[in-house]
Amino acid sequence: MTSLWRGWKSFAHGLIKGQNWLLMAIAYVVALGPVSIFIKLSRRKLDRGPADPDAKTYGLSVAQAPMDVRRAQRQF
């Protein structure tokens, strides 16, 4: 009976692993699918108007503070 019980436990654990994977996959698709579709449909376009096609970058330049020990000690 002990070997039968151990075999059953091994089978049941494998079955539960598969069942958990399947249920989590279904929950992921059911929860995130409609949410992502809703966000994609309701999001406004992020068009900010015509840009300069010859520009190397659209980022703003930031003035750098001098690199010294005091700045290294103050990380943020």
N, C-alpha and C. Protein backbone atom coordinates (compact mmCIF):
# COMPACT_ATOMS: atom_id res chain seq x y z
N MET A 1 0.82 -1.20 0.00
CA MET A 1 0.00 0.00 0.00
C MET A 1 0.87 1.27 0.00
N THR A 2 2.02 1.19 0.63
CA THR A 2 2.88 2.37 0.69
C THR A 2 3.35 2.77 -0.70
N SER A 3 3.77 1.80 -1.50
CA SER A 3 4.23 2.14 -2.85
C SER A 3 3.06 2.64 -3.71
N LEU A 4 1.88 2.11 -3.51
CA LEU A 4 0.71 2.59 -4.23
C LEU A 4 0.40 4.04 -3.84
N TRP A 5 0.50 4.33 -2.54
CA TRP A 5 0.25 5.69 -2.04
C TRP A 5 1.28 6.66 -2.59
N ARG A 6 2.55 6.28 -2.61
CA ARG A 6 3.61 7.15 -3.14
C ARG A 6 3.41 7.39 -4.64
N GLY A 7 3.03 6.38 -5.35
CA GLY A 7 2.75 6.54 -6.79
C GLY A 7 1.60 7.49 -7.03
N TRP A 8 0.54 7.34 -6.22
CA TRP A 8 -0.62 8.22 -6.36
C TRP A 8 -0.24 9.67 -6.04
N LYS A 9 0.56 9.88 -4.98
CA LYS A 9 0.98 11.24 -4.63
C LYS A 9 1.80 11.86 -5.75
N SER A 10 2.69 11.08 -6.35
CA SER A 10 3.51 11.59 -7.45
C SER A 10 2.63 11.97 -8.64
N PHE A 11 1.67 11.11 -8.96
CA PHE A 11 0.76 11.40 -10.06
C PHE A 11 -0.08 12.64 -9.76
N ALA A 12 -0.58 12.75 -8.53
CA ALA A 12 -1.43 13.88 -8.16
C ALA A 12 -0.66 15.19 -8.20
N HIS A 13 0.59 15.18 -7.75
CA HIS A 13 1.40 16.40 -7.79
C HIS A 13 1.65 16.83 -9.24
N GLY A 14 1.93 15.91 -10.11
CA GLY A 14 2.10 16.25 -11.53
C GLY A 14 0.83 16.80 -12.14
N LEU A 15 -0.30 16.19 -11.78
CA LEU A 15 -1.58 16.65 -12.28
C LEU A 15 -1.89 18.07 -11.79
N ILE A 16 -1.59 18.34 -10.54
CA ILE A 16 -1.84 19.66 -9.97
C ILE A 16 -0.94 20.71 -10.62
N LYS A 17 0.31 20.35 -10.91
CA LYS A 17 1.20 21.29 -11.59
C LYS A 17 0.64 21.68 -12.96
N GLY A 18 0.17 20.71 -13.70
CA GLY A 18 -0.42 21.00 -15.01
C GLY A 18 -1.69 21.81 -14.89
N GLN A 19 -2.51 21.47 -13.91
CA GLN A 19 -3.76 22.19 -13.71
C GLN A 19 -3.49 23.65 -13.31
N ASN A 20 -2.53 23.87 -12.43
CA ASN A 20 -2.19 25.24 -12.04
C ASN A 20 -1.68 26.05 -13.21
N TRP A 21 -0.83 25.43 -14.05
CA TRP A 21 -0.31 26.13 -15.21
C TRP A 21 -1.45 26.53 -16.15
N LEU A 22 -2.37 25.60 -16.38
CA LEU A 22 -3.49 25.87 -17.27
C LEU A 22 -4.40 26.97 -16.71
N LEU A 23 -4.73 26.90 -15.43
CA LEU A 23 -5.60 27.91 -14.83
C LEU A 23 -4.94 29.29 -14.82
N MET A 24 -3.65 29.35 -14.54
CA MET A 24 -2.97 30.64 -14.55
C MET A 24 -2.88 31.21 -15.97
N ALA A 25 -2.69 30.36 -16.96
CA ALA A 25 -2.65 30.84 -18.35
C ALA A 25 -4.01 31.39 -18.75
N ILE A 26 -5.08 30.70 -18.38
CA ILE A 26 -6.43 31.18 -18.69
C ILE A 26 -6.70 32.50 -17.98
N ALA A 27 -6.33 32.59 -16.70
CA ALA A 27 -6.53 33.83 -15.95
C ALA A 27 -5.75 34.99 -16.58
N TYR A 28 -4.54 34.71 -17.03
CA TYR A 28 -3.72 35.75 -17.67
C TYR A 28 -4.39 36.26 -18.95
N VAL A 29 -4.85 35.35 -19.78
CA VAL A 29 -5.48 35.74 -21.04
C VAL A 29 -6.80 36.47 -20.79
N VAL A 30 -7.59 35.97 -19.86
CA VAL A 30 -8.90 36.58 -19.59
C VAL A 30 -8.74 37.94 -18.93
N ALA A 31 -7.75 38.09 -18.05
CA ALA A 31 -7.58 39.36 -17.34
C ALA A 31 -6.87 40.41 -18.19
N LEU A 32 -5.80 40.03 -18.86
CA LEU A 32 -5.00 41.02 -19.56
C LEU A 32 -5.43 41.25 -21.00
N GLY A 33 -6.07 40.29 -21.61
CA GLY A 33 -6.50 40.47 -22.99
C GLY A 33 -7.46 41.62 -23.17
N PRO A 34 -8.60 41.61 -22.50
CA PRO A 34 -9.55 42.72 -22.65
C PRO A 34 -8.99 44.06 -22.18
N VAL A 35 -8.17 44.03 -21.15
CA VAL A 35 -7.59 45.28 -20.65
C VAL A 35 -6.68 45.89 -21.70
N SER A 36 -5.83 45.08 -22.31
CA SER A 36 -4.91 45.62 -23.32
C SER A 36 -5.67 46.10 -24.56
N ILE A 37 -6.71 45.40 -24.94
CA ILE A 37 -7.51 45.84 -26.09
C ILE A 37 -8.20 47.16 -25.77
N PHE A 38 -8.75 47.28 -24.56
CA PHE A 38 -9.40 48.52 -24.14
C PHE A 38 -8.41 49.68 -24.15
N ILE A 39 -7.22 49.47 -23.63
CA ILE A 39 -6.22 50.54 -23.58
C ILE A 39 -5.81 50.94 -24.99
N LYS A 40 -5.61 49.98 -25.87
CA LYS A 40 -5.20 50.31 -27.23
C LYS A 40 -6.30 51.07 -27.98
N LEU A 41 -7.54 50.74 -27.72
CA LEU A 41 -8.64 51.42 -28.41
C LEU A 41 -8.93 52.79 -27.83
N SER A 42 -8.72 52.97 -26.54
CA SER A 42 -9.10 54.22 -25.91
C SER A 42 -7.95 55.23 -25.83
N ARG A 43 -6.74 54.81 -26.10
CA ARG A 43 -5.60 55.72 -25.98
C ARG A 43 -5.60 56.72 -27.12
N ARG A 44 -5.34 57.96 -26.76
CA ARG A 44 -5.24 59.00 -27.78
C ARG A 44 -3.92 58.86 -28.52
N LYS A 45 -3.90 59.36 -29.71
CA LYS A 45 -2.66 59.35 -30.48
C LYS A 45 -1.65 60.26 -29.81
N LEU A 46 -0.41 59.84 -29.84
CA LEU A 46 0.64 60.63 -29.21
C LEU A 46 1.37 61.50 -30.23
N ASP A 47 0.68 61.87 -31.28
CA ASP A 47 1.29 62.72 -32.29
C ASP A 47 1.43 64.13 -31.73
N ARG A 48 2.64 64.61 -31.72
CA ARG A 48 2.90 65.93 -31.16
C ARG A 48 3.14 66.98 -32.26
N GLY A 49 2.76 66.67 -33.47
CA GLY A 49 2.92 67.63 -34.55
C GLY A 49 4.16 67.33 -35.38
N PRO A 50 4.39 68.17 -36.37
CA PRO A 50 5.53 67.93 -37.25
C PRO A 50 6.85 68.16 -36.51
N ALA A 51 7.82 67.35 -36.84
CA ALA A 51 9.13 67.46 -36.21
C ALA A 51 10.16 67.79 -37.27
N ASP A 52 11.31 68.20 -36.80
CA ASP A 52 12.40 68.54 -37.70
C ASP A 52 13.06 67.25 -38.17
N PRO A 53 12.95 66.90 -39.45
CA PRO A 53 13.53 65.63 -39.91
C PRO A 53 15.06 65.63 -39.90
N ASP A 54 15.68 66.82 -39.86
CA ASP A 54 17.14 66.89 -39.88
C ASP A 54 17.75 66.91 -38.48
N ALA A 55 16.94 66.91 -37.45
CA ALA A 55 17.47 66.96 -36.09
C ALA A 55 18.14 65.65 -35.72
N LYS A 56 19.26 65.73 -35.00
CA LYS A 56 19.95 64.52 -34.56
C LYS A 56 19.22 63.88 -33.38
N THR A 57 18.63 64.70 -32.54
CA THR A 57 17.89 64.19 -31.40
C THR A 57 16.75 65.15 -31.07
N TYR A 58 15.74 64.64 -30.42
CA TYR A 58 14.62 65.47 -29.98
C TYR A 58 14.69 65.72 -28.47
N GLY A 59 15.71 65.21 -27.82
CA GLY A 59 15.86 65.40 -26.38
C GLY A 59 16.34 66.81 -26.06
N LEU A 60 16.08 67.23 -24.84
CA LEU A 60 16.51 68.53 -24.38
C LEU A 60 17.88 68.40 -23.73
N SER A 61 18.73 69.38 -23.95
CA SER A 61 20.05 69.33 -23.32
C SER A 61 19.92 69.73 -21.85
N VAL A 62 20.71 69.08 -21.02
CA VAL A 62 20.68 69.32 -19.59
C VAL A 62 22.05 69.81 -19.17
N ALA A 63 22.06 70.86 -18.38
CA ALA A 63 23.33 71.39 -17.89
C ALA A 63 23.90 70.43 -16.85
N GLN A 64 25.11 69.98 -17.05
CA GLN A 64 25.74 69.04 -16.13
C GLN A 64 26.42 69.79 -15.00
N ALA A 65 26.24 69.31 -13.80
CA ALA A 65 26.95 69.86 -12.65
C ALA A 65 28.39 69.38 -12.71
N PRO A 66 29.31 70.15 -12.14
CA PRO A 66 30.71 69.71 -12.16
C PRO A 66 30.88 68.40 -11.40
N MET A 67 31.74 67.54 -11.92
CA MET A 67 32.01 66.25 -11.29
C MET A 67 33.04 66.44 -10.18
N ASP A 68 32.60 66.31 -8.95
CA ASP A 68 33.54 66.40 -7.83
C ASP A 68 33.10 65.43 -6.75
N VAL A 69 33.81 65.40 -5.66
CA VAL A 69 33.56 64.45 -4.58
C VAL A 69 32.21 64.73 -3.92
N ARG A 70 31.85 65.97 -3.75
CA ARG A 70 30.58 66.32 -3.10
C ARG A 70 29.39 65.77 -3.91
N ARG A 71 29.47 65.89 -5.21
CA ARG A 71 28.39 65.37 -6.05
C ARG A 71 28.33 63.85 -5.99
N ALA A 72 29.47 63.19 -5.91
CA ALA A 72 29.50 61.73 -5.82
C ALA A 72 28.91 61.25 -4.49
N GLN A 73 29.07 62.02 -3.44
CA GLN A 73 28.51 61.64 -2.14
C GLN A 73 27.00 61.82 -2.12
N ARG A 74 26.48 62.74 -2.89
CA ARG A 74 25.04 63.01 -2.96
C ARG A 74 24.53 62.39 -4.26
N GLN A 75 24.04 61.17 -4.18
CA GLN A 75 23.68 60.43 -5.39
C GLN A 75 22.41 60.96 -6.06
N PHE A 76 21.47 61.44 -5.29
CA PHE A 76 20.19 61.82 -5.89
C PHE A 76 19.88 63.26 -5.66
